[in-house]
Protein backbone atom coordinates (compact mmCIF):
# COMPACT_ATOMS: atom_id res chain seq x y z
CA MET A 1 30.30 -0.48 -8.03
CA ARG A 2 33.09 -0.98 -5.50
CA LYS A 3 33.20 -3.97 -3.23
CA ARG A 4 32.81 -1.75 -0.13
CA GLU A 5 29.64 -0.21 -1.59
CA LEU A 6 28.28 -3.64 -2.48
CA GLU A 7 28.78 -4.86 1.09
CA LYS A 8 27.13 -1.80 2.51
CA PHE A 9 24.08 -2.46 0.31
CA LYS A 10 24.11 -6.19 1.25
CA LYS A 11 24.05 -5.23 4.91
CA ILE A 12 21.17 -2.65 4.40
CA LEU A 13 19.10 -5.23 2.36
CA THR A 14 19.75 -8.06 4.78
CA GLU A 15 18.75 -5.91 7.78
CA GLN A 16 15.62 -4.74 5.94
CA ARG A 17 14.69 -8.39 5.12
CA GLU A 18 15.10 -9.34 8.66
CA GLU A 19 12.97 -6.59 9.93
CA LEU A 20 10.22 -7.38 7.35
CA VAL A 21 10.22 -11.04 8.30
CA LYS A 22 10.20 -10.31 11.98
CA HIS A 23 7.22 -7.92 11.42
CA ALA A 24 5.41 -10.55 9.32
CA LYS A 25 5.94 -13.22 11.84
CA SER A 26 4.50 -11.01 14.64
CA ALA A 27 1.52 -10.19 12.52
CA VAL A 28 0.90 -13.90 11.74
CA GLY A 29 1.10 -14.70 15.52
CA GLY A 30 -1.71 -12.17 16.23
CA GLU A 31 -5.14 -13.20 16.01
CA ILE A 32 -7.43 -11.81 13.41
CA HIS A 33 -10.91 -12.62 14.34
CA LEU A 34 -14.16 -10.66 14.30
CA ASP A 35 -16.90 -11.85 16.60
CA PRO A 36 -20.04 -9.77 16.22
CA ASP A 37 -20.78 -10.42 19.98
CA ASP A 38 -17.63 -8.44 20.85
CA PHE A 39 -18.99 -5.13 19.49
CA PRO A 40 -21.84 -3.29 21.20
CA ASP A 41 -22.96 -1.46 17.94
CA GLU A 42 -22.50 -1.39 14.26
CA ILE A 43 -20.13 1.56 14.25
CA ASP A 44 -17.63 -0.28 16.54
CA ALA A 45 -17.80 -3.34 14.21
CA ALA A 46 -17.32 -1.18 11.10
CA SER A 47 -14.43 0.61 12.74
CA SER A 48 -12.75 -2.57 13.57
CA GLU A 49 -13.27 -4.01 10.06
CA MET A 50 -11.74 -0.94 8.53
CA SER A 51 -8.74 -1.25 10.79
CA LEU A 52 -8.28 -4.97 9.77
CA ALA A 53 -8.69 -4.05 6.05
CA PHE A 54 -5.96 -1.35 6.55
CA GLN A 55 -3.72 -3.78 8.30
CA GLY A 56 -4.15 -6.24 5.47
CA ARG A 57 -3.17 -3.60 2.85
CA LEU A 58 -0.09 -2.88 4.88
CA ARG A 59 0.93 -6.50 5.10
CA GLU A 60 0.40 -6.88 1.32
CA ARG A 61 2.68 -3.90 0.74
CA GLU A 62 5.22 -5.35 3.05
CA ARG A 63 5.11 -8.73 1.21
CA GLY A 64 5.85 -6.90 -2.01
CA LEU A 65 8.71 -5.04 -0.57
CA LEU A 66 10.14 -8.24 0.87
CA ALA A 67 10.03 -9.84 -2.62
CA LYS A 68 11.87 -6.79 -3.93
CA VAL A 69 14.52 -7.08 -1.15
CA GLU A 70 14.93 -10.77 -1.96
CA GLY A 71 15.40 -9.89 -5.59
CA ALA A 72 18.03 -7.25 -4.78
CA LEU A 73 19.96 -9.73 -2.69
CA GLU A 74 19.81 -12.24 -5.53
CA LYS A 75 21.19 -9.64 -7.83
CA LEU A 76 23.99 -8.90 -5.47
CA GLU A 77 24.93 -12.63 -5.42
CA ASP A 78 24.73 -12.67 -9.26
CA GLY A 79 26.91 -9.71 -9.67
CA ILE A 80 24.23 -7.54 -11.35
CA TYR A 81 23.03 -5.40 -8.47
CA GLY A 82 22.81 -1.74 -9.40
CA GLU A 83 22.20 -2.33 -13.14
CA CYS A 84 19.08 -0.80 -14.72
CA GLU A 85 16.68 -3.52 -15.79
CA ASN A 86 15.56 -1.31 -18.78
CA CYS A 87 18.76 0.22 -20.25
CA GLY A 88 21.58 -1.78 -18.55
CA GLU A 89 23.23 1.36 -17.24
CA ASP A 90 24.42 1.66 -13.64
CA ILE A 91 21.89 2.91 -11.26
CA GLY A 92 23.45 5.82 -9.24
CA VAL A 93 24.74 5.16 -5.83
CA LYS A 94 22.65 8.01 -4.44
CA ARG A 95 19.54 6.50 -5.83
CA LEU A 96 20.31 3.11 -4.33
CA GLU A 97 21.01 4.74 -1.03
CA ALA A 98 17.56 6.30 -1.16
CA ARG A 99 15.86 3.06 -2.47
CA PRO A 100 18.17 -0.01 -2.15
CA VAL A 101 15.58 -2.07 -4.12
CA ALA A 102 15.59 0.23 -7.13
CA GLU A 103 15.42 -1.64 -10.36
CA LEU A 104 15.61 1.31 -12.75
CA CYS A 105 18.10 4.20 -13.23
CA ILE A 106 16.54 7.66 -12.50
CA GLU A 107 16.12 8.36 -16.32
CA CYS A 108 14.22 5.08 -16.98
CA LYS A 109 12.06 5.61 -13.94
CA SER A 110 11.24 9.15 -14.97
CA GLU A 111 10.24 7.88 -18.37
CA GLN A 112 8.09 5.15 -16.78
CA GLU A 113 6.37 7.66 -14.48
CA GLN A 114 5.77 9.99 -17.42
CA LEU A 115 4.18 7.20 -19.50
CA GLU A 116 1.98 6.13 -16.55
CA ARG A 117 0.77 9.70 -16.17
CA ASN A 118 -0.03 9.91 -19.83
CA LEU A 119 -1.96 6.65 -19.83
CA GLY A 120 -3.53 7.29 -16.50
């Protein structure tokens, strides 16, 4: 991969990391507290609990994405960004543009998904 492409991906990943960290900080700053006296009935309480559970799942997904972004930035520093973790071949630039944290080339990812479908 050319130096200019690597710099482009570094910028994309750095911006994505900053956005995720900013979002996480704002989420941590917000209070998550359920006081049963705040809700006039059980439906309101259940609705609020569902909303909090959904927000928790979103935060967990963001935490996982942040770990992948950090890993991709480490690979950039180590000079191995864009190499498939399975076969060692280069991951296509178009795939990395679509998913900068991609760890597998399209062929290996397709094989992985097929295996998951067969097992699931």
